[in-house]
Amino acid sequence: MTRWLRCWETRNLLDLFVDGRLTRDQGHRVEDHLAACPACALELEGLKPLPLSAGAPPAMPAGLAAAILKEFEGGAAPELPSWRLSPAQAAGLAAAALLLLAQTVPGPVTRAVQRPAAEALP
């Protein structure tokens, strides 16, 4: 005898159930749970695929594919953006960032601990 599915288990399987990707046993267990649980059955209704009312997509205009391929084939390599840094500039910027970080991050705090005088102790 198979164990009854809990609601959270059933809800985890609903996507697979709608897509028909459950085993026969899993599908029967989900169906049994849905027949007895209105909350999970309502959850299933929200997951069912919408009907395709628009039909097939419109045909691609003649020559569009050829025009797109022509753009990719014949063009020269795009120019690099003007903001691109040279290796020397990048190294300088990294060094400046490290110096700034070293100045803003606090180091170990050293503070003298004052000990009570010997005569103040009981």
C-alpha atoms as a PDB file:
ATOM      1  CA  MET A   1       0.000   0.000   0.000  1.00  0.00           C
ATOM      2  CA  THR A   2       1.374   3.380  -0.941  1.00  0.00           C
ATOM      3  CA  ARG A   3       1.523   6.262   1.468  1.00  0.00           C
ATOM      4  CA  TRP A   4      -0.950   9.138   1.115  1.00  0.00           C
ATOM      5  CA  LEU A   5       0.654  12.331  -0.231  1.00  0.00           C
ATOM      6  CA  ARG A   6       0.611  15.420   1.946  1.00  0.00           C
ATOM      7  CA  CYS A   7      -0.432  18.767   0.474  1.00  0.00           C
ATOM      8  CA  TRP A   8       3.112  20.138   0.266  1.00  0.00           C
ATOM      9  CA  GLU A   9       4.282  16.955  -1.473  1.00  0.00           C
ATOM     10  CA  THR A  10       1.425  17.140  -3.955  1.00  0.00           C
ATOM     11  CA  ARG A  11       2.065  20.814  -4.702  1.00  0.00           C
ATOM     12  CA  ASN A  12       5.725  20.050  -5.360  1.00  0.00           C
ATOM     13  CA  LEU A  13       4.628  17.491  -7.969  1.00  0.00           C
ATOM     14  CA  LEU A  14       1.919  19.543  -9.687  1.00  0.00           C
ATOM     15  CA  ASP A  15       4.172  21.016 -12.399  1.00  0.00           C
ATOM     16  CA  LEU A  16       5.373  17.552 -13.348  1.00  0.00           C
ATOM     17  CA  PHE A  17       1.792  16.256 -13.192  1.00  0.00           C
ATOM     18  CA  VAL A  18       0.545  18.928 -15.619  1.00  0.00           C
ATOM     19  CA  ASP A  19       3.419  18.183 -18.013  1.00  0.00           C
ATOM     20  CA  GLY A  20       2.794  14.432 -17.809  1.00  0.00           C
ATOM     21  CA  ARG A  21       6.273  13.715 -16.467  1.00  0.00           C
ATOM     22  CA  LEU A  22       5.318  11.639 -13.411  1.00  0.00           C
ATOM     23  CA  THR A  23       5.497   7.883 -13.198  1.00  0.00           C
ATOM     24  CA  ARG A  24       2.186   6.055 -13.336  1.00  0.00           C
ATOM     25  CA  ASP A  25       2.261   5.436  -9.572  1.00  0.00           C
ATOM     26  CA  GLN A  26       3.098   9.060  -8.785  1.00  0.00           C
ATOM     27  CA  GLY A  27       0.359  10.251 -11.129  1.00  0.00           C
ATOM     28  CA  HIS A  28      -2.236   8.040  -9.430  1.00  0.00           C
ATOM     29  CA  ARG A  29      -1.150   9.251  -5.996  1.00  0.00           C
ATOM     30  CA  VAL A  30      -1.438  12.896  -7.091  1.00  0.00           C
ATOM     31  CA  GLU A  31      -4.862  12.219  -8.654  1.00  0.00           C
ATOM     32  CA  ASP A  32      -6.053  10.540  -5.444  1.00  0.00           C
ATOM     33  CA  HIS A  33      -4.924  13.510  -3.383  1.00  0.00           C
ATOM     34  CA  LEU A  34      -6.500  16.028  -5.774  1.00  0.00           C
ATOM     35  CA  ALA A  35      -9.823  14.177  -5.607  1.00  0.00           C
ATOM     36  CA  ALA A  36      -9.876  14.561  -1.820  1.00  0.00           C
ATOM     37  CA  CYS A  37      -8.255  18.001  -1.387  1.00  0.00           C
ATOM     38  CA  PRO A  38     -10.057  21.060  -2.810  1.00  0.00           C
ATOM     39  CA  ALA A  39      -7.139  23.388  -1.979  1.00  0.00           C
ATOM     40  CA  CYS A  40      -4.657  21.386  -4.045  1.00  0.00           C
ATOM     41  CA  ALA A  41      -7.226  20.942  -6.836  1.00  0.00           C
ATOM     42  CA  LEU A  42      -7.602  24.730  -6.956  1.00  0.00           C
ATOM     43  CA  GLU A  43      -3.813  25.059  -7.121  1.00  0.00           C
ATOM     44  CA  LEU A  44      -3.828  22.696 -10.093  1.00  0.00           C
ATOM     45  CA  GLU A  45      -6.377  24.833 -11.938  1.00  0.00           C
ATOM     46  CA  GLY A  46      -3.944  27.760 -11.853  1.00  0.00           C
ATOM     47  CA  LEU A  47      -1.205  25.649 -13.417  1.00  0.00           C
ATOM     48  CA  LYS A  48      -3.078  24.225 -16.376  1.00  0.00           C
ATOM     49  CA  PRO A  49      -1.714  25.553 -19.673  1.00  0.00           C
ATOM     50  CA  LEU A  50      -3.651  28.307 -21.370  1.00  0.00           C
ATOM     51  CA  PRO A  51      -5.282  27.419 -24.669  1.00  0.00           C
ATOM     52  CA  LEU A  52      -3.534  28.740 -27.740  1.00  0.00           C
ATOM     53  CA  SER A  53      -6.202  31.053 -29.105  1.00  0.00           C
ATOM     54  CA  ALA A  54      -3.910  32.959 -31.440  1.00  0.00           C
ATOM     55  CA  GLY A  55      -3.077  29.943 -33.556  1.00  0.00           C
ATOM     56  CA  ALA A  56       0.185  29.729 -35.442  1.00  0.00           C
ATOM     57  CA  PRO A  57       2.585  32.670 -35.322  1.00  0.00           C
ATOM     58  CA  PRO A  58       2.649  34.922 -38.383  1.00  0.00           C
ATOM     59  CA  ALA A  59       5.050  34.062 -41.182  1.00  0.00           C
ATOM     60  CA  MET A  60       8.406  35.808 -41.262  1.00  0.00           C
ATOM     61  CA  PRO A  61       8.571  38.547 -43.913  1.00  0.00           C
ATOM     62  CA  ALA A  62      10.419  37.530 -47.060  1.00  0.00           C
ATOM     63  CA  GLY A  63      14.098  38.393 -46.962  1.00  0.00           C
ATOM     64  CA  LEU A  64      14.267  39.043 -43.213  1.00  0.00           C
ATOM     65  CA  ALA A  65      16.426  36.006 -42.463  1.00  0.00           C
ATOM     66  CA  ALA A  66      18.816  36.874 -45.304  1.00  0.00           C
ATOM     67  CA  ALA A  67      19.106  40.479 -44.094  1.00  0.00           C
ATOM     68  CA  ILE A  68      19.912  39.364 -40.554  1.00  0.00           C
ATOM     69  CA  LEU A  69      22.550  36.897 -41.740  1.00  0.00           C
ATOM     70  CA  LYS A  70      24.097  39.555 -43.987  1.00  0.00           C
ATOM     71  CA  GLU A  71      24.520  41.859 -40.985  1.00  0.00           C
ATOM     72  CA  PHE A  72      26.447  39.170 -39.118  1.00  0.00           C
ATOM     73  CA  GLU A  73      28.601  37.975 -42.020  1.00  0.00           C
ATOM     74  CA  GLY A  74      29.853  41.103 -43.738  1.00  0.00           C
ATOM     75  CA  GLY A  75      30.493  43.492 -40.884  1.00  0.00           C
ATOM     76  CA  ALA A  76      33.902  44.411 -39.540  1.00  0.00           C
ATOM     77  CA  ALA A  77      34.765  43.793 -35.930  1.00  0.00           C
ATOM     78  CA  PRO A  78      33.194  46.419 -33.690  1.00  0.00           C
ATOM     79  CA  GLU A  79      35.474  49.032 -32.214  1.00  0.00           C
ATOM     80  CA  LEU A  80      36.383  48.764 -28.567  1.00  0.00           C
ATOM     81  CA  PRO A  81      34.689  51.285 -26.321  1.00  0.00           C
ATOM     82  CA  SER A  82      36.739  54.393 -25.626  1.00  0.00           C
ATOM     83  CA  TRP A  83      36.514  53.885 -21.858  1.00  0.00           C
ATOM     84  CA  ARG A  84      38.539  50.682 -22.002  1.00  0.00           C
ATOM     85  CA  LEU A  85      41.664  50.929 -19.826  1.00  0.00           C
ATOM     86  CA  SER A  86      45.146  49.924 -20.825  1.00  0.00           C
ATOM     87  CA  PRO A  87      46.892  47.370 -18.575  1.00  0.00           C
ATOM     88  CA  ALA A  88      49.030  50.126 -17.028  1.00  0.00           C
ATOM     89  CA  GLN A  89      45.964  52.239 -16.259  1.00  0.00           C
ATOM     90  CA  ALA A  90      44.180  49.244 -14.749  1.00  0.00           C
ATOM     91  CA  ALA A  91      47.194  48.450 -12.537  1.00  0.00           C
ATOM     92  CA  GLY A  92      47.378  52.060 -11.338  1.00  0.00           C
ATOM     93  CA  LEU A  93      43.684  52.120 -10.585  1.00  0.00           C
ATOM     94  CA  ALA A  94      43.955  48.846  -8.647  1.00  0.00           C
ATOM     95  CA  ALA A  95      46.889  50.193  -6.608  1.00  0.00           C
ATOM     96  CA  ALA A  96      44.970  53.371  -5.790  1.00  0.00           C
ATOM     97  CA  ALA A  97      41.950  51.320  -4.715  1.00  0.00           C
ATOM     98  CA  LEU A  98      44.116  49.193  -2.415  1.00  0.00           C
ATOM     99  CA  LEU A  99      45.659  52.285  -0.827  1.00  0.00           C
ATOM    100  CA  LEU A 100      42.224  53.773  -0.266  1.00  0.00           C
ATOM    101  CA  LEU A 101      41.009  50.516   1.236  1.00  0.00           C
ATOM    102  CA  ALA A 102      44.039  50.328   3.525  1.00  0.00           C
ATOM    103  CA  GLN A 103      43.286  53.839   4.823  1.00  0.00           C
ATOM    104  CA  THR A 104      39.610  53.218   5.491  1.00  0.00           C
ATOM    105  CA  VAL A 105      39.746  49.773   7.111  1.00  0.00           C
ATOM    106  CA  PRO A 106      40.634  50.058  10.781  1.00  0.00           C
ATOM    107  CA  GLY A 107      43.644  48.130  11.937  1.00  0.00           C
ATOM    108  CA  PRO A 108      44.058  46.359  15.243  1.00  0.00           C
ATOM    109  CA  VAL A 109      43.207  48.635  18.111  1.00  0.00           C
ATOM    110  CA  THR A 110      45.901  48.798  20.737  1.00  0.00           C
ATOM    111  CA  ARG A 111      44.987  50.381  23.980  1.00  0.00           C
ATOM    112  CA  ALA A 112      46.851  50.270  27.222  1.00  0.00           C
ATOM    113  CA  VAL A 113      44.955  48.401  29.872  1.00  0.00           C
ATOM    114  CA  GLN A 114      45.013  50.193  33.173  1.00  0.00           C
ATOM    115  CA  ARG A 115      45.378  47.806  36.035  1.00  0.00           C
ATOM    116  CA  PRO A 116      44.145  48.700  39.457  1.00  0.00           C
ATOM    117  CA  ALA A 117      46.768  49.578  41.966  1.00  0.00           C
ATOM    118  CA  ALA A 118      47.818  46.801  44.304  1.00  0.00           C
ATOM    119  CA  GLU A 119      46.590  48.672  47.370  1.00  0.00           C
ATOM    120  CA  ALA A 120      43.082  49.033  45.895  1.00  0.00           C
ATOM    121  CA  LEU A 121      42.631  45.267  45.801  1.00  0.00           C
ATOM    122  CA  PRO A 122      40.993  43.631  48.850  1.00  0.00           C
END
